[in-house]
C-alpha cells in the first residue's frame, strides 16, 4: 500500500481484528510508528512486527497526540489509534484541533472504524433502525448538568439512545440517574440491550428492560442501548421498526 499521508488517525473497531477495515489493516502494517493507549495496542498485537510503538495511559491523550505528530513531522509514517471510530469520542478531534491551533503543516488522514454502538447493535439484533442519539455519561470533559439536559432531550424525543462510558469505579450514580430520566417518559418495559466487550474475549450480552437494568454489571467496557417506544424483543433480539409495510 502506498502511504500518501504523514499521519493516520485509525479507528480499530471494537477490538476483533475481523472487524477491522481492510484499509486500516493495511495502514497499520505499513506505517513505521503506531501510537496508542496500551489496551488498544494489545488488541492489534498480531499486526505488529517491526513498527516502533509508543503507548501511554488513560487521560494521556495530549501526550499521545503530541508524540504522534512529532514522529510524523520527523518523516516517519505514523498511525495513532482509537478504539471504535477515531471520530467518535476518539483521537481525530484532539489531533486535528492541535494541528490547527499550532498551525502545523501535516498531511493527515482519518480512517473510520466500526463504533461500539454499531458493534453492540449488531449483536443485539436491529435496535438502531430509526433515529437515535449517542451520549457519553463521562463527565471528565462535559459537565454532568449538560449531560443530563441531553439525556432529558433524547428521552423526551423518543430517540433510541446509546450510552457510552455508562459507569466506572469513580462514577457510580450516573447510569441510575439516566435510568430515572428515561423512566419519567418511557414505559418501564422499554427494551434495553447491554453489551460488554463487544467482539472481544469475555463478550457478554444482556437483554432486559428499562426498569431492570443490572447496574452492577455495567462498566466502562459496556455499551447500553435504550429502545424507543416502538422497540420490541423477540427471539432474544431487539428490533426497532423502521416503518416498512412487510
C-alpha atoms as a PDB file:
ATOM      1  CA  UNK A   1       0.000   0.000   0.000  1.00  0.00           C
ATOM      2  CA  UNK A   2       1.339   3.425  -0.959  1.00  0.00           C
ATOM      3  CA  UNK A   3       1.080   5.653   2.113  1.00  0.00           C
ATOM      4  CA  UNK A   4       0.495   9.209   0.927  1.00  0.00           C
ATOM      5  CA  UNK A   5      -0.235  10.915   4.256  1.00  0.00           C
ATOM      6  CA  UNK A   6       2.115  11.760   7.116  1.00  0.00           C
ATOM      7  CA  UNK A   7      -0.212  10.838   9.960  1.00  0.00           C
ATOM      8  CA  UNK A   8      -3.107   8.387  10.033  1.00  0.00           C
ATOM      9  CA  UNK A   9      -5.758   8.539  12.740  1.00  0.00           C
ATOM     10  CA  UNK A  10      -7.086   4.993  12.696  1.00  0.00           C
ATOM     11  CA  UNK A  11     -10.256   3.563  14.198  1.00  0.00           C
ATOM     12  CA  UNK A  12      -9.595  -0.084  15.046  1.00  0.00           C
ATOM     13  CA  UNK A  13     -13.215  -1.004  15.721  1.00  0.00           C
ATOM     14  CA  UNK A  14     -14.373  -2.884  18.820  1.00  0.00           C
ATOM     15  CA  UNK A  15     -11.198  -4.943  19.090  1.00  0.00           C
ATOM     16  CA  UNK A  16     -11.818  -8.014  16.952  1.00  0.00           C
ATOM     17  CA  UNK A  17      -9.424  -7.848  14.001  1.00  0.00           C
ATOM     18  CA  UNK A  18     -12.034  -9.492  11.780  1.00  0.00           C
ATOM     19  CA  UNK A  19     -13.987  -6.250  12.138  1.00  0.00           C
ATOM     20  CA  UNK A  20     -11.023  -4.032  11.267  1.00  0.00           C
ATOM     21  CA  UNK A  21     -11.396  -2.430   7.836  1.00  0.00           C
ATOM     22  CA  UNK A  22      -9.054  -3.611   5.085  1.00  0.00           C
ATOM     23  CA  UNK A  23      -7.747  -0.064   4.743  1.00  0.00           C
ATOM     24  CA  UNK A  24      -6.959   0.219   8.448  1.00  0.00           C
ATOM     25  CA  UNK A  25      -5.366  -3.233   8.418  1.00  0.00           C
ATOM     26  CA  UNK A  26      -3.065  -2.308   5.533  1.00  0.00           C
ATOM     27  CA  UNK A  27      -2.092   1.052   7.011  1.00  0.00           C
ATOM     28  CA  UNK A  28      -1.206  -0.391  10.405  1.00  0.00           C
ATOM     29  CA  UNK A  29       1.022  -2.979   8.750  1.00  0.00           C
ATOM     30  CA  UNK A  30       2.805  -0.383   6.614  1.00  0.00           C
ATOM     31  CA  UNK A  31       3.412   2.547   8.968  1.00  0.00           C
ATOM     32  CA  UNK A  32       6.709   2.920  10.800  1.00  0.00           C
ATOM     33  CA  UNK A  33       5.231   4.066  14.121  1.00  0.00           C
ATOM     34  CA  UNK A  34       1.999   3.231  15.951  1.00  0.00           C
ATOM     35  CA  UNK A  35       0.901   5.379  18.885  1.00  0.00           C
ATOM     36  CA  UNK A  36      -1.921   4.393  21.219  1.00  0.00           C
ATOM     37  CA  UNK A  37      -3.337   3.635  24.623  1.00  0.00           C
ATOM     38  CA  UNK A  38      -1.701   0.365  25.730  1.00  0.00           C
ATOM     39  CA  UNK A  39      -5.006  -1.530  25.956  1.00  0.00           C
ATOM     40  CA  UNK A  40      -5.713  -0.697  22.303  1.00  0.00           C
ATOM     41  CA  UNK A  41      -2.220  -1.660  21.177  1.00  0.00           C
ATOM     42  CA  UNK A  42      -2.780  -5.023  22.855  1.00  0.00           C
ATOM     43  CA  UNK A  43      -5.826  -5.551  20.626  1.00  0.00           C
ATOM     44  CA  UNK A  44      -3.745  -5.312  17.425  1.00  0.00           C
ATOM     45  CA  UNK A  45      -0.738  -7.347  18.574  1.00  0.00           C
ATOM     46  CA  UNK A  46      -0.801  -9.676  15.573  1.00  0.00           C
ATOM     47  CA  UNK A  47      -0.398  -6.699  13.210  1.00  0.00           C
ATOM     48  CA  UNK A  48       2.773  -5.540  14.909  1.00  0.00           C
ATOM     49  CA  UNK A  49       6.110  -6.672  13.514  1.00  0.00           C
ATOM     50  CA  UNK A  50       8.846  -4.064  13.130  1.00  0.00           C
ATOM     51  CA  UNK A  51       6.825  -0.933  13.854  1.00  0.00           C
ATOM     52  CA  UNK A  52       8.010   1.386  16.566  1.00  0.00           C
ATOM     53  CA  UNK A  53       5.403   1.608  19.334  1.00  0.00           C
ATOM     54  CA  UNK A  54       4.569   4.390  21.759  1.00  0.00           C
ATOM     55  CA  UNK A  55       1.955   3.968  24.455  1.00  0.00           C
ATOM     56  CA  UNK A  56       0.673   5.916  27.429  1.00  0.00           C
ATOM     57  CA  UNK A  57      -2.085   5.533  29.968  1.00  0.00           C
ATOM     58  CA  UNK A  58      -5.630   6.730  30.481  1.00  0.00           C
ATOM     59  CA  UNK A  59      -6.167  10.507  30.170  1.00  0.00           C
ATOM     60  CA  UNK A  60      -2.794  10.974  28.417  1.00  0.00           C
ATOM     61  CA  UNK A  61      -4.368  11.885  25.083  1.00  0.00           C
ATOM     62  CA  UNK A  62      -2.368  15.097  24.708  1.00  0.00           C
ATOM     63  CA  UNK A  63       0.888  13.251  25.275  1.00  0.00           C
ATOM     64  CA  UNK A  64      -0.023  10.649  22.661  1.00  0.00           C
ATOM     65  CA  UNK A  65      -1.115  13.117  20.011  1.00  0.00           C
ATOM     66  CA  UNK A  66       1.998  15.260  20.517  1.00  0.00           C
ATOM     67  CA  UNK A  67       4.216  12.199  20.177  1.00  0.00           C
ATOM     68  CA  UNK A  68       2.379  11.042  17.059  1.00  0.00           C
ATOM     69  CA  UNK A  69       2.705  14.477  15.477  1.00  0.00           C
ATOM     70  CA  UNK A  70       6.383  14.614  16.428  1.00  0.00           C
ATOM     71  CA  UNK A  71       7.046  11.240  14.809  1.00  0.00           C
ATOM     72  CA  UNK A  72       5.147  12.278  11.674  1.00  0.00           C
ATOM     73  CA  UNK A  73       6.976  15.603  11.402  1.00  0.00           C
ATOM     74  CA  UNK A  74      10.306  13.780  11.686  1.00  0.00           C
ATOM     75  CA  UNK A  75       9.463  11.957   8.471  1.00  0.00           C
ATOM     76  CA  UNK A  76       8.166   8.684   9.865  1.00  0.00           C
ATOM     77  CA  UNK A  77       4.855   7.393   8.577  1.00  0.00           C
ATOM     78  CA  UNK A  78       2.784   7.288  11.743  1.00  0.00           C
ATOM     79  CA  UNK A  79      -0.581   5.988  12.928  1.00  0.00           C
ATOM     80  CA  UNK A  80      -2.376   6.946  16.119  1.00  0.00           C
ATOM     81  CA  UNK A  81      -5.151   4.534  17.026  1.00  0.00           C
ATOM     82  CA  UNK A  82      -8.530   4.750  18.741  1.00  0.00           C
ATOM     83  CA  UNK A  83     -10.967   2.002  19.581  1.00  0.00           C
ATOM     84  CA  UNK A  84     -14.189   2.091  17.604  1.00  0.00           C
ATOM     85  CA  UNK A  85     -14.181   5.047  15.221  1.00  0.00           C
ATOM     86  CA  UNK A  86     -11.497   7.682  15.764  1.00  0.00           C
ATOM     87  CA  UNK A  87     -14.031  10.429  15.072  1.00  0.00           C
ATOM     88  CA  UNK A  88     -16.491   9.264  17.752  1.00  0.00           C
ATOM     89  CA  UNK A  89     -15.109  10.132  21.209  1.00  0.00           C
ATOM     90  CA  UNK A  90     -11.716   9.254  19.726  1.00  0.00           C
ATOM     91  CA  UNK A  91      -8.434  10.894  18.784  1.00  0.00           C
ATOM     92  CA  UNK A  92      -9.432  12.515  15.490  1.00  0.00           C
ATOM     93  CA  UNK A  93     -10.827  15.664  17.096  1.00  0.00           C
ATOM     94  CA  UNK A  94      -7.950  16.376  19.507  1.00  0.00           C
ATOM     95  CA  UNK A  95      -5.302  15.707  16.841  1.00  0.00           C
ATOM     96  CA  UNK A  96      -6.907  17.995  14.268  1.00  0.00           C
ATOM     97  CA  UNK A  97      -7.606  20.676  16.886  1.00  0.00           C
ATOM     98  CA  UNK A  98      -3.972  20.652  17.996  1.00  0.00           C
ATOM     99  CA  UNK A  99      -2.636  20.787  14.443  1.00  0.00           C
ATOM    100  CA  UNK A 100      -4.917  23.732  13.658  1.00  0.00           C
ATOM    101  CA  UNK A 101      -4.044  25.583  16.875  1.00  0.00           C
ATOM    102  CA  UNK A 102      -0.320  25.137  16.281  1.00  0.00           C
ATOM    103  CA  UNK A 103      -0.686  25.992  12.577  1.00  0.00           C
ATOM    104  CA  UNK A 104       1.277  22.902  11.583  1.00  0.00           C
ATOM    105  CA  UNK A 105       1.656  21.681   8.021  1.00  0.00           C
ATOM    106  CA  UNK A 106       0.982  17.986   8.105  1.00  0.00           C
ATOM    107  CA  UNK A 107      -0.966  15.714   5.794  1.00  0.00           C
ATOM    108  CA  UNK A 108      -3.446  13.838   7.975  1.00  0.00           C
ATOM    109  CA  UNK A 109      -5.962  11.150   7.095  1.00  0.00           C
ATOM    110  CA  UNK A 110      -8.760   9.800   9.300  1.00  0.00           C
ATOM    111  CA  UNK A 111      -9.551   6.108   8.801  1.00  0.00           C
ATOM    112  CA  UNK A 112     -13.032   5.067  10.002  1.00  0.00           C
ATOM    113  CA  UNK A 113     -13.802   2.102  12.223  1.00  0.00           C
ATOM    114  CA  UNK A 114     -16.854   0.240  13.482  1.00  0.00           C
ATOM    115  CA  UNK A 115     -18.196   2.068  16.522  1.00  0.00           C
ATOM    116  CA  UNK A 116     -19.113   0.473  19.840  1.00  0.00           C
ATOM    117  CA  UNK A 117     -22.713   1.495  19.141  1.00  0.00           C
ATOM    118  CA  UNK A 118     -22.814  -0.329  15.819  1.00  0.00           C
ATOM    119  CA  UNK A 119     -20.971  -3.385  17.101  1.00  0.00           C
ATOM    120  CA  UNK A 120     -23.316  -3.669  20.076  1.00  0.00           C
ATOM    121  CA  UNK A 121     -26.389  -3.084  17.921  1.00  0.00           C
ATOM    122  CA  UNK A 122     -25.419  -5.898  15.548  1.00  0.00           C
ATOM    123  CA  UNK A 123     -25.035  -8.303  18.471  1.00  0.00           C
ATOM    124  CA  UNK A 124     -28.431  -7.290  19.832  1.00  0.00           C
ATOM    125  CA  UNK A 125     -30.322  -7.523  16.527  1.00  0.00           C
ATOM    126  CA  UNK A 126     -31.528  -4.305  14.911  1.00  0.00           C
ATOM    127  CA  UNK A 127     -32.227  -1.759  17.659  1.00  0.00           C
ATOM    128  CA  UNK A 128     -30.880   1.272  15.763  1.00  0.00           C
ATOM    129  CA  UNK A 129     -33.203   1.079  12.769  1.00  0.00           C
ATOM    130  CA  UNK A 130     -34.671   4.516  13.485  1.00  0.00           C
ATOM    131  CA  UNK A 131     -33.372   7.856  14.743  1.00  0.00           C
ATOM    132  CA  UNK A 132     -31.021   7.568  17.682  1.00  0.00           C
ATOM    133  CA  UNK A 133     -28.733   9.567  19.953  1.00  0.00           C
ATOM    134  CA  UNK A 134     -25.325   8.652  21.324  1.00  0.00           C
ATOM    135  CA  UNK A 135     -24.490  10.137  24.728  1.00  0.00           C
ATOM    136  CA  UNK A 136     -21.423   9.611  26.893  1.00  0.00           C
ATOM    137  CA  UNK A 137     -22.062   9.593  30.634  1.00  0.00           C
ATOM    138  CA  UNK A 138     -18.460  10.545  31.380  1.00  0.00           C
ATOM    139  CA  UNK A 139     -18.266  13.980  32.986  1.00  0.00           C
ATOM    140  CA  UNK A 140     -14.495  14.354  32.644  1.00  0.00           C
ATOM    141  CA  UNK A 141     -14.786  16.694  29.631  1.00  0.00           C
ATOM    142  CA  UNK A 142     -18.501  17.554  29.728  1.00  0.00           C
ATOM    143  CA  UNK A 143     -20.410  18.831  32.743  1.00  0.00           C
ATOM    144  CA  UNK A 144     -22.935  16.479  34.306  1.00  0.00           C
ATOM    145  CA  UNK A 145     -25.514  19.281  34.114  1.00  0.00           C
ATOM    146  CA  UNK A 146     -25.176  19.360  30.324  1.00  0.00           C
ATOM    147  CA  UNK A 147     -25.196  15.565  30.061  1.00  0.00           C
ATOM    148  CA  UNK A 148     -28.477  15.444  31.996  1.00  0.00           C
ATOM    149  CA  UNK A 149     -30.013  18.021  29.638  1.00  0.00           C
ATOM    150  CA  UNK A 150     -29.048  15.855  26.683  1.00  0.00           C
ATOM    151  CA  UNK A 151     -30.473  12.749  28.331  1.00  0.00           C
ATOM    152  CA  UNK A 152     -33.746  14.572  29.007  1.00  0.00           C
ATOM    153  CA  UNK A 153     -33.901  15.783  25.400  1.00  0.00           C
ATOM    154  CA  UNK A 154     -33.241  12.316  23.968  1.00  0.00           C
ATOM    155  CA  UNK A 155     -35.753  10.695  26.306  1.00  0.00           C
ATOM    156  CA  UNK A 156     -38.422  13.280  25.523  1.00  0.00           C
ATOM    157  CA  UNK A 157     -37.877  12.988  21.776  1.00  0.00           C
ATOM    158  CA  UNK A 158     -38.400   9.196  21.872  1.00  0.00           C
ATOM    159  CA  UNK A 159     -34.938   8.647  20.415  1.00  0.00           C
ATOM    160  CA  UNK A 160     -33.270   5.281  20.741  1.00  0.00           C
ATOM    161  CA  UNK A 161     -30.339   6.161  22.972  1.00  0.00           C
ATOM    162  CA  UNK A 162     -26.879   4.634  23.143  1.00  0.00           C
ATOM    163  CA  UNK A 163     -24.961   5.256  26.352  1.00  0.00           C
ATOM    164  CA  UNK A 164     -21.165   5.261  26.214  1.00  0.00           C
ATOM    165  CA  UNK A 165     -18.959   5.203  29.337  1.00  0.00           C
ATOM    166  CA  UNK A 166     -22.019   4.330  31.423  1.00  0.00           C
ATOM    167  CA  UNK A 167     -20.356   3.519  34.734  1.00  0.00           C
ATOM    168  CA  UNK A 168     -16.890   3.433  36.275  1.00  0.00           C
ATOM    169  CA  UNK A 169     -15.342   2.905  39.685  1.00  0.00           C
ATOM    170  CA  UNK A 170     -15.479   6.667  40.184  1.00  0.00           C
ATOM    171  CA  UNK A 171     -18.889   7.270  38.604  1.00  0.00           C
ATOM    172  CA  UNK A 172     -21.424   5.036  40.336  1.00  0.00           C
ATOM    173  CA  UNK A 173     -24.609   7.122  40.093  1.00  0.00           C
ATOM    174  CA  UNK A 174     -24.821   8.458  36.530  1.00  0.00           C
ATOM    175  CA  UNK A 175     -26.378   5.365  34.963  1.00  0.00           C
ATOM    176  CA  UNK A 176     -29.031   5.232  37.683  1.00  0.00           C
ATOM    177  CA  UNK A 177     -29.806   8.914  37.091  1.00  0.00           C
ATOM    178  CA  UNK A 178     -30.081   8.298  33.343  1.00  0.00           C
ATOM    179  CA  UNK A 179     -32.421   5.380  34.022  1.00  0.00           C
ATOM    180  CA  UNK A 180     -34.654   7.602  36.176  1.00  0.00           C
ATOM    181  CA  UNK A 181     -34.746  10.307  33.491  1.00  0.00           C
ATOM    182  CA  UNK A 182     -35.973   7.809  30.896  1.00  0.00           C
ATOM    183  CA  UNK A 183     -38.463   6.199  33.269  1.00  0.00           C
ATOM    184  CA  UNK A 184     -40.207   9.554  33.625  1.00  0.00           C
ATOM    185  CA  UNK A 185     -41.268   9.469  29.965  1.00  0.00           C
ATOM    186  CA  UNK A 186     -40.958   5.836  28.837  1.00  0.00           C
ATOM    187  CA  UNK A 187     -42.509   2.575  29.875  1.00  0.00           C
ATOM    188  CA  UNK A 188     -40.599   0.541  32.434  1.00  0.00           C
ATOM    189  CA  UNK A 189     -40.861  -2.329  29.935  1.00  0.00           C
ATOM    190  CA  UNK A 190     -38.891  -0.413  27.275  1.00  0.00           C
ATOM    191  CA  UNK A 191     -36.326  -2.907  25.916  1.00  0.00           C
ATOM    192  CA  UNK A 192     -32.702  -2.291  26.841  1.00  0.00           C
ATOM    193  CA  UNK A 193     -29.673  -4.066  25.402  1.00  0.00           C
ATOM    194  CA  UNK A 194     -26.372  -4.244  27.245  1.00  0.00           C
ATOM    195  CA  UNK A 195     -23.167  -5.443  25.596  1.00  0.00           C
ATOM    196  CA  UNK A 196     -19.839  -5.782  27.360  1.00  0.00           C
ATOM    197  CA  UNK A 197     -16.597  -6.391  25.446  1.00  0.00           C
ATOM    198  CA  UNK A 198     -18.333  -6.363  22.062  1.00  0.00           C
ATOM    199  CA  UNK A 199     -16.357  -8.501  19.636  1.00  0.00           C
ATOM    200  CA  UNK A 200     -13.694  -9.315  22.226  1.00  0.00           C
ATOM    201  CA  UNK A 201     -12.961 -12.168  24.597  1.00  0.00           C
ATOM    202  CA  UNK A 202     -15.408 -12.433  27.502  1.00  0.00           C
ATOM    203  CA  UNK A 203     -18.147 -10.807  25.438  1.00  0.00           C
ATOM    204  CA  UNK A 204     -21.421 -10.592  27.352  1.00  0.00           C
ATOM    205  CA  UNK A 205     -24.888  -9.730  26.054  1.00  0.00           C
ATOM    206  CA  UNK A 206     -27.848  -8.903  28.278  1.00  0.00           C
ATOM    207  CA  UNK A 207     -31.355  -8.088  27.094  1.00  0.00           C
ATOM    208  CA  UNK A 208     -33.542  -6.556  29.765  1.00  0.00           C
ATOM    209  CA  UNK A 209     -35.903  -3.617  30.222  1.00  0.00           C
ATOM    210  CA  UNK A 210     -35.619  -0.058  31.468  1.00  0.00           C
ATOM    211  CA  UNK A 211     -36.826  -0.883  34.965  1.00  0.00           C
ATOM    212  CA  UNK A 212     -34.481  -3.822  35.485  1.00  0.00           C
ATOM    213  CA  UNK A 213     -31.108  -2.598  34.203  1.00  0.00           C
ATOM    214  CA  UNK A 214     -28.471  -4.623  36.123  1.00  0.00           C
ATOM    215  CA  UNK A 215     -26.399  -1.587  37.053  1.00  0.00           C
ATOM    216  CA  UNK A 216     -23.737  -3.569  38.925  1.00  0.00           C
ATOM    217  CA  UNK A 217     -22.861  -5.500  35.747  1.00  0.00           C
ATOM    218  CA  UNK A 218     -22.180  -2.325  33.766  1.00  0.00           C
ATOM    219  CA  UNK A 219     -18.722  -0.766  33.468  1.00  0.00           C
ATOM    220  CA  UNK A 220     -16.536   1.224  31.073  1.00  0.00           C
ATOM    221  CA  UNK A 221     -16.300  -1.727  28.668  1.00  0.00           C
ATOM    222  CA  UNK A 222     -20.086  -1.748  28.320  1.00  0.00           C
ATOM    223  CA  UNK A 223     -22.447  -0.145  25.820  1.00  0.00           C
ATOM    224  CA  UNK A 224     -26.085   0.348  26.811  1.00  0.00           C
ATOM    225  CA  UNK A 225     -28.834   0.764  24.201  1.00  0.00           C
ATOM    226  CA  UNK A 226     -32.237   2.021  25.345  1.00  0.00           C
ATOM    227  CA  UNK A 227     -35.001   1.380  22.828  1.00  0.00           C
ATOM    228  CA  UNK A 228     -37.709   3.832  21.802  1.00  0.00           C
ATOM    229  CA  UNK A 229     -41.460   3.374  22.251  1.00  0.00           C
ATOM    230  CA  UNK A 230     -41.612   1.027  19.235  1.00  0.00           C
ATOM    231  CA  UNK A 231     -38.634  -1.201  20.040  1.00  0.00           C
ATOM    232  CA  UNK A 232     -39.515  -4.781  20.908  1.00  0.00           C
ATOM    233  CA  UNK A 233     -37.778  -8.014  21.864  1.00  0.00           C
ATOM    234  CA  UNK A 234     -38.398 -11.292  20.069  1.00  0.00           C
ATOM    235  CA  UNK A 235     -36.266 -14.425  19.762  1.00  0.00           C
ATOM    236  CA  UNK A 236     -33.671 -12.834  22.065  1.00  0.00           C
ATOM    237  CA  UNK A 237     -33.190  -9.943  19.663  1.00  0.00           C
ATOM    238  CA  UNK A 238     -34.083  -6.262  19.833  1.00  0.00           C
ATOM    239  CA  UNK A 239     -35.807  -4.726  16.817  1.00  0.00           C
ATOM    240  CA  UNK A 240     -36.893  -1.149  16.233  1.00  0.00           C
ATOM    241  CA  UNK A 241     -39.342  -0.989  13.301  1.00  0.00           C
ATOM    242  CA  UNK A 242     -38.421   1.484  10.563  1.00  0.00           C
ATOM    243  CA  UNK A 243     -41.976   1.651   9.270  1.00  0.00           C
ATOM    244  CA  UNK A 244     -41.803  -0.632   6.237  1.00  0.00           C
ATOM    245  CA  UNK A 245     -45.021  -2.378   5.256  1.00  0.00           C
ATOM    246  CA  UNK A 246     -43.914  -6.018   5.120  1.00  0.00           C
END
